Amino acid sequence: LSGCLTHYFHNLLAPMLGYAELALRDLDKESQSAQYVQEIVKAATRAKDLVKQILTLSHKVDHRQEDLKPIRLEPVVREGLGLVRASIPSTVEIVQSLDVEGCHVLVNPTHIHQVVLNLCTNAYHAMREGGGAINIALKKVELNKDDLRIHHMKLNAGTYMLLKVTDSGTGMDKETVARIFDPYFTTKKKGEGTGLGLAVVNGIIKSYGGHISVYSELGFGSSFNIYLPCRGERMQAANIRRVTEL
């Protein structure tokens, strides 16, 4: 339902944004009217971004073949962390332990940036009062058929890249952890978040045949574990299978 509705919203937003941008061309950039129209453009752009988030949330991620690349995650994660560093205060330390070798995964790099930004921003919010550290680790792991993790996570045996994001923040109770990936659920104050961030991350990871889980305790921070299948391994997501078979 959300996938169908967002397409309708997108079709409505496209002409709004297009005509607003055309109107800006005919207006004096310093005029009050131009400022008003610019606000319309900003609002429509935010709405367009929200539509993309809801599409991701409904697991209808647009995996166009030209956007999917067999990449090593290390440089992409490092780029994402560069954006994070520029957006959070120096009271929060970023500690990296990234495997420079690893294996290739078939993904859209922009989605990986989005995952890193969302997880690190949430980690910052959990530490913004007292500061702390965000630890980001990346390594290659093997999951065999006897590994209990593959049954719990419903993954196929094979080679995966494990991205782990851990913070030293306030942590969460069991009730919050149980709802952390629910759409529109948030522990932030009104106006600070939509509650879509982690739901979108979950949608992205699942669309690539991966898995995301969280472990947290009040007063002891939180740890998110993301498994992404290496290229050439069996992938659960039907859309990824289709692309790799082309």
C-alpha atoms as a PDB file:
ATOM      1  CA  LEU A   1       0.000   0.000   0.000  1.00  0.00           C
ATOM      2  CA  SER A   2       2.751   2.448   0.954  1.00  0.00           C
ATOM      3  CA  GLY A   3       4.615   1.611  -2.253  1.00  0.00           C
ATOM      4  CA  CYS A   4       1.573   2.423  -4.411  1.00  0.00           C
ATOM      5  CA  LEU A   5       0.693   5.613  -2.530  1.00  0.00           C
ATOM      6  CA  THR A   6       4.212   7.025  -2.726  1.00  0.00           C
ATOM      7  CA  HIS A   7       4.156   6.743  -6.519  1.00  0.00           C
ATOM      8  CA  TYR A   8       0.991   8.849  -6.583  1.00  0.00           C
ATOM      9  CA  PHE A   9       2.574  11.423  -4.256  1.00  0.00           C
ATOM     10  CA  HIS A  10       5.669  11.514  -6.435  1.00  0.00           C
ATOM     11  CA  ASN A  11       3.543  12.218  -9.514  1.00  0.00           C
ATOM     12  CA  LEU A  12       1.899  15.128  -7.672  1.00  0.00           C
ATOM     13  CA  LEU A  13       5.173  16.556  -6.364  1.00  0.00           C
ATOM     14  CA  ALA A  14       6.998  16.499  -9.709  1.00  0.00           C
ATOM     15  CA  PRO A  15       4.941  19.292 -11.380  1.00  0.00           C
ATOM     16  CA  MET A  16       4.855  21.318  -8.141  1.00  0.00           C
ATOM     17  CA  LEU A  17       8.633  21.276  -7.940  1.00  0.00           C
ATOM     18  CA  GLY A  18       9.053  21.811 -11.687  1.00  0.00           C
ATOM     19  CA  TYR A  19       6.756  24.851 -11.921  1.00  0.00           C
ATOM     20  CA  ALA A  20       8.234  26.373  -8.753  1.00  0.00           C
ATOM     21  CA  GLU A  21      11.733  26.120 -10.260  1.00  0.00           C
ATOM     22  CA  LEU A  22      10.478  27.694 -13.513  1.00  0.00           C
ATOM     23  CA  ALA A  23       8.878  30.531 -11.544  1.00  0.00           C
ATOM     24  CA  LEU A  24      12.222  31.232  -9.842  1.00  0.00           C
ATOM     25  CA  ARG A  25      13.813  31.876 -13.234  1.00  0.00           C
ATOM     26  CA  ASP A  26      11.353  34.715 -13.924  1.00  0.00           C
ATOM     27  CA  LEU A  27      11.694  36.374 -10.518  1.00  0.00           C
ATOM     28  CA  ASP A  28      14.253  38.793  -9.176  1.00  0.00           C
ATOM     29  CA  LYS A  29      16.421  36.641  -6.902  1.00  0.00           C
ATOM     30  CA  GLU A  30      16.424  39.377  -4.248  1.00  0.00           C
ATOM     31  CA  SER A  31      12.650  39.846  -4.239  1.00  0.00           C
ATOM     32  CA  GLN A  32      10.331  38.676  -1.470  1.00  0.00           C
ATOM     33  CA  SER A  33       8.382  36.600  -3.990  1.00  0.00           C
ATOM     34  CA  ALA A  34      11.517  34.711  -4.981  1.00  0.00           C
ATOM     35  CA  GLN A  35      12.168  33.902  -1.321  1.00  0.00           C
ATOM     36  CA  TYR A  36       8.630  32.567  -0.957  1.00  0.00           C
ATOM     37  CA  VAL A  37       8.980  30.360  -4.044  1.00  0.00           C
ATOM     38  CA  GLN A  38      12.380  29.154  -2.827  1.00  0.00           C
ATOM     39  CA  GLU A  39      10.679  27.937   0.359  1.00  0.00           C
ATOM     40  CA  ILE A  40       8.173  26.071  -1.816  1.00  0.00           C
ATOM     41  CA  VAL A  41      11.069  24.383  -3.635  1.00  0.00           C
ATOM     42  CA  LYS A  42      12.702  23.417  -0.320  1.00  0.00           C
ATOM     43  CA  ALA A  43       9.450  21.984   1.055  1.00  0.00           C
ATOM     44  CA  ALA A  44       8.740  20.030  -2.142  1.00  0.00           C
ATOM     45  CA  THR A  45      12.291  18.674  -2.147  1.00  0.00           C
ATOM     46  CA  ARG A  46      11.924  17.507   1.462  1.00  0.00           C
ATOM     47  CA  ALA A  47       8.634  15.853   0.545  1.00  0.00           C
ATOM     48  CA  LYS A  48      10.337  14.143  -2.413  1.00  0.00           C
ATOM     49  CA  ASP A  49      13.051  12.803  -0.091  1.00  0.00           C
ATOM     50  CA  LEU A  50      10.377  11.547   2.299  1.00  0.00           C
ATOM     51  CA  VAL A  51       8.699   9.700  -0.581  1.00  0.00           C
ATOM     52  CA  LYS A  52      12.017   7.943  -1.290  1.00  0.00           C
ATOM     53  CA  GLN A  53      12.292   6.971   2.382  1.00  0.00           C
ATOM     54  CA  ILE A  54       8.790   5.480   2.382  1.00  0.00           C
ATOM     55  CA  LEU A  55       9.592   3.520  -0.791  1.00  0.00           C
ATOM     56  CA  THR A  56      12.658   2.124   0.941  1.00  0.00           C
ATOM     57  CA  LEU A  57      10.536   1.415   4.001  1.00  0.00           C
ATOM     58  CA  SER A  58       8.148  -0.675   1.895  1.00  0.00           C
ATOM     59  CA  HIS A  59      11.174  -2.656   0.623  1.00  0.00           C
ATOM     60  CA  LYS A  60      10.614  -1.319  -2.877  1.00  0.00           C
ATOM     61  CA  VAL A  61      14.145   0.046  -3.195  1.00  0.00           C
ATOM     62  CA  ASP A  62      14.842   1.088  -6.770  1.00  0.00           C
ATOM     63  CA  HIS A  63      17.721  -1.239  -7.637  1.00  0.00           C
ATOM     64  CA  ARG A  64      18.449  -0.098 -11.168  1.00  0.00           C
ATOM     65  CA  GLN A  65      21.209  -2.161 -12.738  1.00  0.00           C
ATOM     66  CA  GLU A  66      23.364   0.880 -13.516  1.00  0.00           C
ATOM     67  CA  ASP A  67      23.271   1.954  -9.839  1.00  0.00           C
ATOM     68  CA  LEU A  68      24.431  -1.391  -8.441  1.00  0.00           C
ATOM     69  CA  LYS A  69      28.176  -1.832  -8.257  1.00  0.00           C
ATOM     70  CA  PRO A  70      30.401  -4.606  -6.924  1.00  0.00           C
ATOM     71  CA  ILE A  71      32.364  -2.560  -4.402  1.00  0.00           C
ATOM     72  CA  ARG A  72      34.508  -2.926  -1.339  1.00  0.00           C
ATOM     73  CA  LEU A  73      32.686  -1.420   1.598  1.00  0.00           C
ATOM     74  CA  GLU A  74      35.722   0.080   3.341  1.00  0.00           C
ATOM     75  CA  PRO A  75      36.158   3.216   1.170  1.00  0.00           C
ATOM     76  CA  VAL A  76      32.385   3.799   0.990  1.00  0.00           C
ATOM     77  CA  VAL A  77      31.996   3.516   4.766  1.00  0.00           C
ATOM     78  CA  ARG A  78      34.995   5.820   5.224  1.00  0.00           C
ATOM     79  CA  GLU A  79      33.357   8.418   2.947  1.00  0.00           C
ATOM     80  CA  GLY A  80      30.169   8.202   4.983  1.00  0.00           C
ATOM     81  CA  LEU A  81      32.113   8.702   8.202  1.00  0.00           C
ATOM     82  CA  GLY A  82      33.669  11.827   6.711  1.00  0.00           C
ATOM     83  CA  LEU A  83      30.161  13.255   6.335  1.00  0.00           C
ATOM     84  CA  VAL A  84      29.317  12.185   9.888  1.00  0.00           C
ATOM     85  CA  ARG A  85      32.433  13.854  11.310  1.00  0.00           C
ATOM     86  CA  ALA A  86      31.464  17.132   9.712  1.00  0.00           C
ATOM     87  CA  SER A  87      27.958  17.029  11.170  1.00  0.00           C
ATOM     88  CA  ILE A  88      28.505  16.093  14.835  1.00  0.00           C
ATOM     89  CA  PRO A  89      30.484  17.944  17.557  1.00  0.00           C
ATOM     90  CA  SER A  90      34.031  17.045  18.610  1.00  0.00           C
ATOM     91  CA  THR A  91      32.737  15.853  21.998  1.00  0.00           C
ATOM     92  CA  VAL A  92      31.854  12.614  20.202  1.00  0.00           C
ATOM     93  CA  GLU A  93      34.873  10.561  19.134  1.00  0.00           C
ATOM     94  CA  ILE A  94      34.734   8.365  16.020  1.00  0.00           C
ATOM     95  CA  VAL A  95      36.888   5.226  16.281  1.00  0.00           C
ATOM     96  CA  GLN A  96      37.366   3.230  13.073  1.00  0.00           C
ATOM     97  CA  SER A  97      38.494  -0.351  12.576  1.00  0.00           C
ATOM     98  CA  LEU A  98      37.864  -1.054   8.903  1.00  0.00           C
ATOM     99  CA  ASP A  99      39.092  -4.104   7.020  1.00  0.00           C
ATOM    100  CA  VAL A 100      40.715  -2.708   3.857  1.00  0.00           C
ATOM    101  CA  GLU A 101      40.569  -6.079   2.107  1.00  0.00           C
ATOM    102  CA  GLY A 102      37.229  -7.741   2.732  1.00  0.00           C
ATOM    103  CA  CYS A 103      35.153  -8.824  -0.256  1.00  0.00           C
ATOM    104  CA  HIS A 104      32.911  -7.205  -2.828  1.00  0.00           C
ATOM    105  CA  VAL A 105      29.223  -6.565  -2.212  1.00  0.00           C
ATOM    106  CA  LEU A 106      26.695  -5.609  -4.875  1.00  0.00           C
ATOM    107  CA  VAL A 107      25.056  -2.390  -3.670  1.00  0.00           C
ATOM    108  CA  ASN A 108      24.282   1.220  -4.469  1.00  0.00           C
ATOM    109  CA  PRO A 109      27.022   3.203  -2.618  1.00  0.00           C
ATOM    110  CA  THR A 110      24.536   6.002  -1.836  1.00  0.00           C
ATOM    111  CA  HIS A 111      22.458   3.555   0.200  1.00  0.00           C
ATOM    112  CA  ILE A 112      25.528   2.598   2.247  1.00  0.00           C
ATOM    113  CA  HIS A 113      26.199   6.287   2.941  1.00  0.00           C
ATOM    114  CA  GLN A 114      22.593   6.584   4.099  1.00  0.00           C
ATOM    115  CA  VAL A 115      22.982   3.592   6.438  1.00  0.00           C
ATOM    116  CA  VAL A 116      26.194   4.969   7.979  1.00  0.00           C
ATOM    117  CA  LEU A 117      24.745   8.464   8.412  1.00  0.00           C
ATOM    118  CA  ASN A 118      21.543   7.211  10.014  1.00  0.00           C
ATOM    119  CA  LEU A 119      23.247   4.871  12.478  1.00  0.00           C
ATOM    120  CA  CYS A 120      25.935   7.366  13.476  1.00  0.00           C
ATOM    121  CA  THR A 121      23.468  10.238  13.823  1.00  0.00           C
ATOM    122  CA  ASN A 122      21.310   8.115  16.133  1.00  0.00           C
ATOM    123  CA  ALA A 123      24.427   7.164  18.102  1.00  0.00           C
ATOM    124  CA  TYR A 124      25.291  10.851  18.499  1.00  0.00           C
ATOM    125  CA  HIS A 125      21.800  11.636  19.778  1.00  0.00           C
ATOM    126  CA  ALA A 126      22.302   8.995  22.470  1.00  0.00           C
ATOM    127  CA  MET A 127      25.519  10.733  23.584  1.00  0.00           C
ATOM    128  CA  ARG A 128      24.959  14.425  22.928  1.00  0.00           C
ATOM    129  CA  GLU A 129      24.591  15.355  26.597  1.00  0.00           C
ATOM    130  CA  GLY A 130      27.737  13.700  27.935  1.00  0.00           C
ATOM    131  CA  GLY A 131      29.765  12.942  24.816  1.00  0.00           C
ATOM    132  CA  GLY A 132      31.360   9.569  24.179  1.00  0.00           C
ATOM    133  CA  ALA A 133      32.607   7.431  21.323  1.00  0.00           C
ATOM    134  CA  ILE A 134      31.169   5.797  18.226  1.00  0.00           C
ATOM    135  CA  ASN A 135      33.064   2.648  17.250  1.00  0.00           C
ATOM    136  CA  ILE A 136      32.733   1.478  13.657  1.00  0.00           C
ATOM    137  CA  ALA A 137      34.139  -1.917  12.717  1.00  0.00           C
ATOM    138  CA  LEU A 138      34.079  -3.648   9.330  1.00  0.00           C
ATOM    139  CA  LYS A 139      35.295  -7.173   8.637  1.00  0.00           C
ATOM    140  CA  LYS A 140      34.661 -10.255   6.517  1.00  0.00           C
ATOM    141  CA  VAL A 141      32.963 -13.191   8.248  1.00  0.00           C
ATOM    142  CA  GLU A 142      32.068 -16.742   7.232  1.00  0.00           C
ATOM    143  CA  LEU A 143      28.711 -18.166   8.230  1.00  0.00           C
ATOM    144  CA  ASN A 144      28.493 -21.930   7.783  1.00  0.00           C
ATOM    145  CA  LYS A 145      25.375 -24.051   7.880  1.00  0.00           C
ATOM    146  CA  ASP A 146      26.016 -25.051  11.507  1.00  0.00           C
ATOM    147  CA  ASP A 147      26.309 -21.455  12.680  1.00  0.00           C
ATOM    148  CA  LEU A 148      23.328 -20.652  14.889  1.00  0.00           C
ATOM    149  CA  ARG A 149      23.374 -17.068  13.627  1.00  0.00           C
ATOM    150  CA  ILE A 150      22.165 -18.002  10.128  1.00  0.00           C
ATOM    151  CA  HIS A 151      19.045 -19.630  11.563  1.00  0.00           C
ATOM    152  CA  HIS A 152      18.305 -16.677  13.824  1.00  0.00           C
ATOM    153  CA  MET A 153      18.925 -14.140  11.063  1.00  0.00           C
ATOM    154  CA  LYS A 154      17.410 -16.309   8.297  1.00  0.00           C
ATOM    155  CA  LEU A 155      20.495 -15.961   6.121  1.00  0.00           C
ATOM    156  CA  ASN A 156      22.136 -18.446   3.773  1.00  0.00           C
ATOM    157  CA  ALA A 157      25.500 -19.920   4.657  1.00  0.00           C
ATOM    158  CA  GLY A 158      28.308 -18.017   2.941  1.00  0.00           C
ATOM    159  CA  THR A 159      30.646 -15.044   3.131  1.00  0.00           C
ATOM    160  CA  TYR A 160      29.414 -11.726   4.489  1.00  0.00           C
ATOM    161  CA  MET A 161      30.722  -8.301   5.346  1.00  0.00           C
ATOM    162  CA  LEU A 162      29.881  -7.384   8.935  1.00  0.00           C
ATOM    163  CA  LEU A 163      29.471  -3.680   9.711  1.00  0.00           C
ATOM    164  CA  LYS A 164      29.234  -2.987  13.428  1.00  0.00           C
ATOM    165  CA  VAL A 165      28.323   0.425  14.870  1.00  0.00           C
ATOM    166  CA  THR A 166      28.605   0.732  18.665  1.00  0.00           C
ATOM    167  CA  ASP A 167      28.058   3.761  20.876  1.00  0.00           C
ATOM    168  CA  SER A 168      28.678   4.507  24.552  1.00  0.00           C
ATOM    169  CA  GLY A 169      25.384   6.346  24.974  1.00  0.00           C
ATOM    170  CA  THR A 170      22.389   5.941  27.223  1.00  0.00           C
ATOM    171  CA  GLY A 171      21.283   2.615  25.787  1.00  0.00           C
ATOM    172  CA  MET A 172      17.717   1.327  25.461  1.00  0.00           C
ATOM    173  CA  ASP A 173      15.389  -0.866  27.465  1.00  0.00           C
ATOM    174  CA  LYS A 174      13.937  -4.097  26.057  1.00  0.00           C
ATOM    175  CA  GLU A 175      10.618  -2.488  25.140  1.00  0.00           C
ATOM    176  CA  THR A 176      12.371   0.171  23.029  1.00  0.00           C
ATOM    177  CA  VAL A 177      14.682  -2.363  21.363  1.00  0.00           C
ATOM    178  CA  ALA A 178      11.649  -4.424  20.364  1.00  0.00           C
ATOM    179  CA  ARG A 179      10.203  -1.450  18.449  1.00  0.00           C
ATOM    180  CA  ILE A 180      13.384   0.240  17.213  1.00  0.00           C
ATOM    181  CA  PHE A 181      12.804  -0.672  13.529  1.00  0.00           C
ATOM    182  CA  ASP A 182       9.090   0.122  13.535  1.00  0.00           C
ATOM    183  CA  PRO A 183       8.071   2.931  11.146  1.00  0.00           C
ATOM    184  CA  TYR A 184       7.466   6.280  12.843  1.00  0.00           C
ATOM    185  CA  PHE A 185       8.633   4.998  16.247  1.00  0.00           C
ATOM    186  CA  THR A 186      11.070   7.428  17.856  1.00  0.00           C
ATOM    187  CA  THR A 187      12.424   8.272  21.286  1.00  0.00           C
ATOM    188  CA  LYS A 188      13.406  11.768  20.174  1.00  0.00           C
ATOM    189  CA  LYS A 189      11.568  14.910  21.157  1.00  0.00           C
ATOM    190  CA  LYS A 190       8.861  16.289  18.900  1.00  0.00           C
ATOM    191  CA  GLY A 191      10.375  17.963  15.846  1.00  0.00           C
ATOM    192  CA  GLU A 192      13.747  16.174  16.152  1.00  0.00           C
ATOM    193  CA  GLY A 193      12.979  13.161  13.991  1.00  0.00           C
ATOM    194  CA  THR A 194      10.346  11.385  11.891  1.00  0.00           C
ATOM    195  CA  GLY A 195      10.971   7.897  13.266  1.00  0.00           C
ATOM    196  CA  LEU A 196      11.811   6.682   9.750  1.00  0.00           C
ATOM    197  CA  GLY A 197      15.616   6.564   9.981  1.00  0.00           C
ATOM    198  CA  LEU A 198      16.133   3.055  11.347  1.00  0.00           C
ATOM    199  CA  ALA A 199      13.112   1.700   9.481  1.00  0.00           C
ATOM    200  CA  VAL A 200      14.697   2.915   6.241  1.00  0.00           C
ATOM    201  CA  VAL A 201      18.064   1.387   7.196  1.00  0.00           C
ATOM    202  CA  ASN A 202      16.300  -1.907   7.885  1.00  0.00           C
ATOM    203  CA  GLY A 203      14.574  -1.726   4.489  1.00  0.00           C
ATOM    204  CA  ILE A 204      17.856  -1.063   2.678  1.00  0.00           C
ATOM    205  CA  ILE A 205      19.709  -3.937   4.334  1.00  0.00           C
ATOM    206  CA  LYS A 206      16.877  -6.419   3.769  1.00  0.00           C
ATOM    207  CA  SER A 207      16.582  -5.392   0.123  1.00  0.00           C
ATOM    208  CA  TYR A 208      20.203  -6.486  -0.371  1.00  0.00           C
ATOM    209  CA  GLY A 209      19.586  -9.881   1.220  1.00  0.00           C
ATOM    210  CA  GLY A 210      21.283  -8.860   4.463  1.00  0.00           C
ATOM    211  CA  HIS A 211      20.327  -8.584   8.113  1.00  0.00           C
ATOM    212  CA  ILE A 212      20.498  -5.934  10.820  1.00  0.00           C
ATOM    213  CA  SER A 213      20.152  -6.509  14.558  1.00  0.00           C
ATOM    214  CA  VAL A 214      20.685  -4.431  17.700  1.00  0.00           C
ATOM    215  CA  TYR A 215      21.834  -5.189  21.222  1.00  0.00           C
ATOM    216  CA  SER A 216      21.411  -2.559  23.920  1.00  0.00           C
ATOM    217  CA  GLU A 217      21.141  -2.108  27.679  1.00  0.00           C
ATOM    218  CA  LEU A 218      20.205   0.990  29.625  1.00  0.00           C
ATOM    219  CA  GLY A 219      23.356   2.792  30.693  1.00  0.00           C
ATOM    220  CA  PHE A 220      25.631   0.633  28.519  1.00  0.00           C
ATOM    221  CA  GLY A 221      25.133   1.946  24.991  1.00  0.00           C
ATOM    222  CA  SER A 222      23.926   0.178  21.850  1.00  0.00           C
ATOM    223  CA  SER A 223      25.466  -1.978  19.150  1.00  0.00           C
ATOM    224  CA  PHE A 224      24.086  -2.482  15.627  1.00  0.00           C
ATOM    225  CA  ASN A 225      25.303  -5.431  13.537  1.00  0.00           C
ATOM    226  CA  ILE A 226      24.787  -5.426   9.770  1.00  0.00           C
ATOM    227  CA  TYR A 227      25.493  -8.440   7.538  1.00  0.00           C
ATOM    228  CA  LEU A 228      25.718  -7.933   3.773  1.00  0.00           C
ATOM    229  CA  PRO A 229      26.319 -10.910   1.437  1.00  0.00           C
ATOM    230  CA  CYS A 230      29.468 -10.891  -0.643  1.00  0.00           C
ATOM    231  CA  ARG A 231      29.025 -10.829  -4.402  1.00  0.00           C
ATOM    232  CA  GLY A 232      28.874 -14.339  -5.812  1.00  0.00           C
ATOM    233  CA  GLU A 233      27.257 -15.735  -2.675  1.00  0.00           C
ATOM    234  CA  ARG A 234      23.604 -16.767  -2.648  1.00  0.00           C
ATOM    235  CA  MET A 235      21.466 -13.744  -1.942  1.00  0.00           C
ATOM    236  CA  GLN A 236      18.018 -13.867  -0.477  1.00  0.00           C
ATOM    237  CA  ALA A 237      16.599 -10.723  -2.069  1.00  0.00           C
ATOM    238  CA  ALA A 238      14.826 -11.597  -5.329  1.00  0.00           C
ATOM    239  CA  ASN A 239      15.647  -8.242  -6.911  1.00  0.00           C
ATOM    240  CA  ILE A 240      19.372  -8.766  -6.318  1.00  0.00           C
ATOM    241  CA  ARG A 241      19.213 -12.261  -7.852  1.00  0.00           C
ATOM    242  CA  ARG A 242      17.551 -10.801 -10.923  1.00  0.00           C
ATOM    243  CA  VAL A 243      20.250  -8.162 -11.408  1.00  0.00           C
ATOM    244  CA  THR A 244      23.167 -10.581 -10.957  1.00  0.00           C
ATOM    245  CA  GLU A 245      21.656 -12.951 -13.513  1.00  0.00           C
ATOM    246  CA  LEU A 246      21.562 -10.304 -16.258  1.00  0.00           C
END
